[in-house]
Amino acid sequence: MASESNSLTPEQQLQKRREWRLFLFIIVLLFPLLTFFLVAGMGFSIWMYQLVMGPPGV
């Protein structure tokens, strides 16, 4: 496997490094933020629905 990284051209090594940075950005920042906003948006929409229509069972 070490010989594989030596056989890559500098452009390929740069591309590989960019792919790793993008992967880490997606895993560490993007997915948690999207999850947070999805849950927060769902909670907000339920809260607004209950504000307009009244609490359940009324």
PDB file of N, CA and C in Angstrom:
ATOM      1  N   MET A   1       0.825  -1.192   0.000  1.00  0.00           N
ATOM      2  CA  MET A   1       0.000   0.000   0.000  1.00  0.00           C
ATOM      3  C   MET A   1       0.868   1.254   0.000  1.00  0.00           C
ATOM      4  N   ALA A   2       2.029   1.204   0.653  1.00  0.00           N
ATOM      5  CA  ALA A   2       2.908   2.367   0.673  1.00  0.00           C
ATOM      6  C   ALA A   2       3.421   2.672  -0.729  1.00  0.00           C
ATOM      7  N   SER A   3       3.649   1.639  -1.537  1.00  0.00           N
ATOM      8  CA  SER A   3       4.129   1.875  -2.889  1.00  0.00           C
ATOM      9  C   SER A   3       3.051   2.523  -3.752  1.00  0.00           C
ATOM     10  N   GLU A   4       1.781   2.325  -3.370  1.00  0.00           N
ATOM     11  CA  GLU A   4       0.689   2.938  -4.133  1.00  0.00           C
ATOM     12  C   GLU A   4       0.722   4.456  -4.012  1.00  0.00           C
ATOM     13  N   SER A   5       0.977   4.984  -2.817  1.00  0.00           N
ATOM     14  CA  SER A   5       1.017   6.439  -2.652  1.00  0.00           C
ATOM     15  C   SER A   5       2.246   7.031  -3.339  1.00  0.00           C
ATOM     16  N   ASN A   6       3.325   6.246  -3.459  1.00  0.00           N
ATOM     17  CA  ASN A   6       4.515   6.737  -4.147  1.00  0.00           C
ATOM     18  C   ASN A   6       4.307   6.789  -5.650  1.00  0.00           C
ATOM     19  N   SER A   7       3.424   5.960  -6.174  1.00  0.00           N
ATOM     20  CA  SER A   7       3.212   5.921  -7.615  1.00  0.00           C
ATOM     21  C   SER A   7       2.231   6.987  -8.102  1.00  0.00           C
ATOM     22  N   LEU A   8       1.594   7.694  -7.182  1.00  0.00           N
ATOM     23  CA  LEU A   8       0.647   8.737  -7.579  1.00  0.00           C
ATOM     24  C   LEU A   8       1.389   9.989  -8.016  1.00  0.00           C
ATOM     25  N   THR A   9       0.827  10.646  -8.993  1.00  0.00           N
ATOM     26  CA  THR A   9       1.395  11.918  -9.426  1.00  0.00           C
ATOM     27  C   THR A   9       1.048  12.985  -8.391  1.00  0.00           C
ATOM     28  N   PRO A  10       1.753  14.103  -8.399  1.00  0.00           N
ATOM     29  CA  PRO A  10       1.422  15.179  -7.444  1.00  0.00           C
ATOM     30  C   PRO A  10      -0.025  15.660  -7.574  1.00  0.00           C
ATOM     31  N   GLU A  11      -0.557  15.679  -8.789  1.00  0.00           N
ATOM     32  CA  GLU A  11      -1.959  16.099  -8.976  1.00  0.00           C
ATOM     33  C   GLU A  11      -2.914  15.095  -8.322  1.00  0.00           C
ATOM     34  N   GLN A  12      -2.589  13.799  -8.458  1.00  0.00           N
ATOM     35  CA  GLN A  12      -3.433  12.771  -7.854  1.00  0.00           C
ATOM     36  C   GLN A  12      -3.347  12.827  -6.330  1.00  0.00           C
ATOM     37  N   GLN A  13      -2.161  13.109  -5.802  1.00  0.00           N
ATOM     38  CA  GLN A  13      -2.009  13.241  -4.356  1.00  0.00           C
ATOM     39  C   GLN A  13      -2.807  14.430  -3.838  1.00  0.00           C
ATOM     40  N   LEU A  14      -2.792  15.524  -4.581  1.00  0.00           N
ATOM     41  CA  LEU A  14      -3.567  16.699  -4.198  1.00  0.00           C
ATOM     42  C   LEU A  14      -5.063  16.396  -4.235  1.00  0.00           C
ATOM     43  N   GLN A  15      -5.505  15.677  -5.262  1.00  0.00           N
ATOM     44  CA  GLN A  15      -6.910  15.307  -5.374  1.00  0.00           C
ATOM     45  C   GLN A  15      -7.323  14.397  -4.213  1.00  0.00           C
ATOM     46  N   LYS A  16      -6.453  13.470  -3.857  1.00  0.00           N
ATOM     47  CA  LYS A  16      -6.745  12.557  -2.753  1.00  0.00           C
ATOM     48  C   LYS A  16      -6.867  13.325  -1.440  1.00  0.00           C
ATOM     49  N   ARG A  17      -5.972  14.296  -1.244  1.00  0.00           N
ATOM     50  CA  ARG A  17      -6.030  15.116  -0.033  1.00  0.00           C
ATOM     51  C   ARG A  17      -7.321  15.928   0.005  1.00  0.00           C
ATOM     52  N   ARG A  18      -7.741  16.479  -1.137  1.00  0.00           N
ATOM     53  CA  ARG A  18      -8.999  17.242  -1.198  1.00  0.00           C
ATOM     54  C   ARG A  18     -10.200  16.355  -0.886  1.00  0.00           C
ATOM     55  N   GLU A  19     -10.168  15.122  -1.397  1.00  0.00           N
ATOM     56  CA  GLU A  19     -11.266  14.197  -1.123  1.00  0.00           C
ATOM     57  C   GLU A  19     -11.365  13.880   0.362  1.00  0.00           C
ATOM     58  N   TRP A  20     -10.220  13.707   1.024  1.00  0.00           N
ATOM     59  CA  TRP A  20     -10.234  13.441   2.464  1.00  0.00           C
ATOM     60  C   TRP A  20     -10.767  14.639   3.230  1.00  0.00           C
ATOM     61  N   ARG A  21     -10.362  15.845   2.846  1.00  0.00           N
ATOM     62  CA  ARG A  21     -10.870  17.053   3.518  1.00  0.00           C
ATOM     63  C   ARG A  21     -12.374  17.188   3.337  1.00  0.00           C
ATOM     64  N   LEU A  22     -12.857  16.926   2.129  1.00  0.00           N
ATOM     65  CA  LEU A  22     -14.291  17.000   1.872  1.00  0.00           C
ATOM     66  C   LEU A  22     -15.043  15.952   2.685  1.00  0.00           C
ATOM     67  N   PHE A  23     -14.504  14.745   2.745  1.00  0.00           N
ATOM     68  CA  PHE A  23     -15.121  13.672   3.532  1.00  0.00           C
ATOM     69  C   PHE A  23     -15.217  14.076   5.006  1.00  0.00           C
ATOM     70  N   LEU A  24     -14.133  14.598   5.558  1.00  0.00           N
ATOM     71  CA  LEU A  24     -14.147  15.009   6.965  1.00  0.00           C
ATOM     72  C   LEU A  24     -15.103  16.173   7.189  1.00  0.00           C
ATOM     73  N   PHE A  25     -15.164  17.113   6.246  1.00  0.00           N
ATOM     74  CA  PHE A  25     -16.112  18.225   6.364  1.00  0.00           C
ATOM     75  C   PHE A  25     -17.547  17.714   6.404  1.00  0.00           C
ATOM     76  N   ILE A  26     -17.859  16.769   5.533  1.00  0.00           N
ATOM     77  CA  ILE A  26     -19.218  16.236   5.477  1.00  0.00           C
ATOM     78  C   ILE A  26     -19.555  15.495   6.768  1.00  0.00           C
ATOM     79  N   ILE A  27     -18.652  14.652   7.249  1.00  0.00           N
ATOM     80  CA  ILE A  27     -18.912  13.836   8.425  1.00  0.00           C
ATOM     81  C   ILE A  27     -18.934  14.670   9.701  1.00  0.00           C
ATOM     82  N   VAL A  28     -17.985  15.591   9.850  1.00  0.00           N
ATOM     83  CA  VAL A  28     -17.837  16.327  11.110  1.00  0.00           C
ATOM     84  C   VAL A  28     -18.768  17.528  11.186  1.00  0.00           C
ATOM     85  N   LEU A  29     -19.015  18.220  10.100  1.00  0.00           N
ATOM     86  CA  LEU A  29     -19.806  19.453  10.148  1.00  0.00           C
ATOM     87  C   LEU A  29     -21.172  19.347   9.482  1.00  0.00           C
ATOM     88  N   LEU A  30     -21.191  18.878   8.246  1.00  0.00           N
ATOM     89  CA  LEU A  30     -22.413  18.960   7.460  1.00  0.00           C
ATOM     90  C   LEU A  30     -23.524  18.055   8.003  1.00  0.00           C
ATOM     91  N   PHE A  31     -23.229  16.766   8.215  1.00  0.00           N
ATOM     92  CA  PHE A  31     -24.260  15.848   8.695  1.00  0.00           C
ATOM     93  C   PHE A  31     -24.815  16.241  10.068  1.00  0.00           C
ATOM     94  N   PRO A  32     -23.963  16.597  11.042  1.00  0.00           N
ATOM     95  CA  PRO A  32     -24.535  17.036  12.323  1.00  0.00           C
ATOM     96  C   PRO A  32     -25.396  18.298  12.205  1.00  0.00           C
ATOM     97  N   LEU A  33     -24.966  19.255  11.390  1.00  0.00           N
ATOM     98  CA  LEU A  33     -25.768  20.469  11.218  1.00  0.00           C
ATOM     99  C   LEU A  33     -27.104  20.166  10.540  1.00  0.00           C
ATOM    100  N   LEU A  34     -27.073  19.344   9.491  1.00  0.00           N
ATOM    101  CA  LEU A  34     -28.321  18.981   8.822  1.00  0.00           C
ATOM    102  C   LEU A  34     -29.259  18.238   9.763  1.00  0.00           C
ATOM    103  N   THR A  35     -28.707  17.354  10.578  1.00  0.00           N
ATOM    104  CA  THR A  35     -29.525  16.614  11.545  1.00  0.00           C
ATOM    105  C   THR A  35     -30.149  17.566  12.549  1.00  0.00           C
ATOM    106  N   PHE A  36     -29.361  18.491  13.074  1.00  0.00           N
ATOM    107  CA  PHE A  36     -29.879  19.462  14.033  1.00  0.00           C
ATOM    108  C   PHE A  36     -31.021  20.275  13.441  1.00  0.00           C
ATOM    109  N   PHE A  37     -30.822  20.805  12.233  1.00  0.00           N
ATOM    110  CA  PHE A  37     -31.856  21.642  11.631  1.00  0.00           C
ATOM    111  C   PHE A  37     -33.087  20.840  11.237  1.00  0.00           C
ATOM    112  N   LEU A  38     -32.921  19.594  10.868  1.00  0.00           N
ATOM    113  CA  LEU A  38     -34.069  18.738  10.573  1.00  0.00           C
ATOM    114  C   LEU A  38     -34.909  18.505  11.830  1.00  0.00           C
ATOM    115  N   VAL A  39     -34.268  18.167  12.934  1.00  0.00           N
ATOM    116  CA  VAL A  39     -34.988  17.934  14.191  1.00  0.00           C
ATOM    117  C   VAL A  39     -35.599  19.233  14.696  1.00  0.00           C
ATOM    118  N   ALA A  40     -34.844  20.326  14.634  1.00  0.00           N
ATOM    119  CA  ALA A  40     -35.365  21.611  15.097  1.00  0.00           C
ATOM    120  C   ALA A  40     -36.537  22.073  14.230  1.00  0.00           C
ATOM    121  N   GLY A  41     -36.430  21.873  12.922  1.00  0.00           N
ATOM    122  CA  GLY A  41     -37.520  22.254  12.027  1.00  0.00           C
ATOM    123  C   GLY A  41     -38.781  21.443  12.268  1.00  0.00           C
ATOM    124  N   MET A  42     -38.605  20.161  12.530  1.00  0.00           N
ATOM    125  CA  MET A  42     -39.773  19.309  12.820  1.00  0.00           C
ATOM    126  C   MET A  42     -40.429  19.745  14.133  1.00  0.00           C
ATOM    127  N   GLY A  43     -39.616  20.000  15.150  1.00  0.00           N
ATOM    128  CA  GLY A  43     -40.164  20.474  16.425  1.00  0.00           C
ATOM    129  C   GLY A  43     -40.867  21.806  16.277  1.00  0.00           C
ATOM    130  N   PHE A  44     -40.292  22.708  15.509  1.00  0.00           N
ATOM    131  CA  PHE A  44     -40.915  24.015  15.292  1.00  0.00           C
ATOM    132  C   PHE A  44     -42.232  23.874  14.548  1.00  0.00           C
ATOM    133  N   SER A  45     -42.270  23.001  13.541  1.00  0.00           N
ATOM    134  CA  SER A  45     -43.515  22.835  12.782  1.00  0.00           C
ATOM    135  C   SER A  45     -44.612  22.218  13.659  1.00  0.00           C
ATOM    136  N   ILE A  46     -44.269  21.287  14.515  1.00  0.00           N
ATOM    137  CA  ILE A  46     -45.270  20.718  15.431  1.00  0.00           C
ATOM    138  C   ILE A  46     -45.736  21.779  16.415  1.00  0.00           C
ATOM    139  N   TRP A  47     -44.828  22.574  16.928  1.00  0.00           N
ATOM    140  CA  TRP A  47     -45.179  23.638  17.859  1.00  0.00           C
ATOM    141  C   TRP A  47     -46.125  24.649  17.198  1.00  0.00           C
ATOM    142  N   MET A  48     -45.829  25.059  15.962  1.00  0.00           N
ATOM    143  CA  MET A  48     -46.698  26.000  15.248  1.00  0.00           C
ATOM    144  C   MET A  48     -48.071  25.371  14.969  1.00  0.00           C
ATOM    145  N   TYR A  49     -48.081  24.099  14.592  1.00  0.00           N
ATOM    146  CA  TYR A  49     -49.352  23.424  14.338  1.00  0.00           C
ATOM    147  C   TYR A  49     -50.212  23.419  15.602  1.00  0.00           C
ATOM    148  N   GLN A  50     -49.600  23.109  16.735  1.00  0.00           N
ATOM    149  CA  GLN A  50     -50.362  23.078  17.979  1.00  0.00           C
ATOM    150  C   GLN A  50     -50.762  24.482  18.422  1.00  0.00           C
ATOM    151  N   LEU A  51     -49.988  25.468  18.072  1.00  0.00           N
ATOM    152  CA  LEU A  51     -50.335  26.856  18.420  1.00  0.00           C
ATOM    153  C   LEU A  51     -51.593  27.265  17.660  1.00  0.00           C
ATOM    154  N   VAL A  52     -51.722  26.836  16.419  1.00  0.00           N
ATOM    155  CA  VAL A  52     -52.876  27.205  15.580  1.00  0.00           C
ATOM    156  C   VAL A  52     -54.073  26.309  15.875  1.00  0.00           C
ATOM    157  N   MET A  53     -53.850  24.996  15.933  1.00  0.00           N
ATOM    158  CA  MET A  53     -54.953  24.034  16.045  1.00  0.00           C
ATOM    159  C   MET A  53     -55.304  23.669  17.493  1.00  0.00           C
ATOM    160  N   GLY A  54     -54.490  24.038  18.442  1.00  0.00           N
ATOM    161  CA  GLY A  54     -54.723  23.682  19.816  1.00  0.00           C
ATOM    162  C   GLY A  54     -53.981  22.409  20.186  1.00  0.00           C
ATOM    163  N   PRO A  55     -53.856  22.163  21.486  1.00  0.00           N
ATOM    164  CA  PRO A  55     -53.144  20.972  21.914  1.00  0.00           C
ATOM    165  C   PRO A  55     -53.893  19.705  21.529  1.00  0.00           C
ATOM    166  N   PRO A  56     -53.190  18.566  21.483  1.00  0.00           N
ATOM    167  CA  PRO A  56     -53.859  17.308  21.133  1.00  0.00           C
ATOM    168  C   PRO A  56     -54.963  16.988  22.139  1.00  0.00           C
ATOM    169  N   GLY A  57     -56.057  16.480  21.647  1.00  0.00           N
ATOM    170  CA  GLY A  57     -57.165  16.076  22.504  1.00  0.00           C
ATOM    171  C   GLY A  57     -58.150  17.163  22.817  1.00  0.00           C
ATOM    172  N   VAL A  58     -57.982  18.351  22.243  1.00  0.00           N
ATOM    173  CA  VAL A  58     -58.919  19.441  22.526  1.00  0.00           C
ATOM    174  C   VAL A  58     -59.974  19.490  21.451  1.00  0.00           C
TER     175      VAL A  58
END
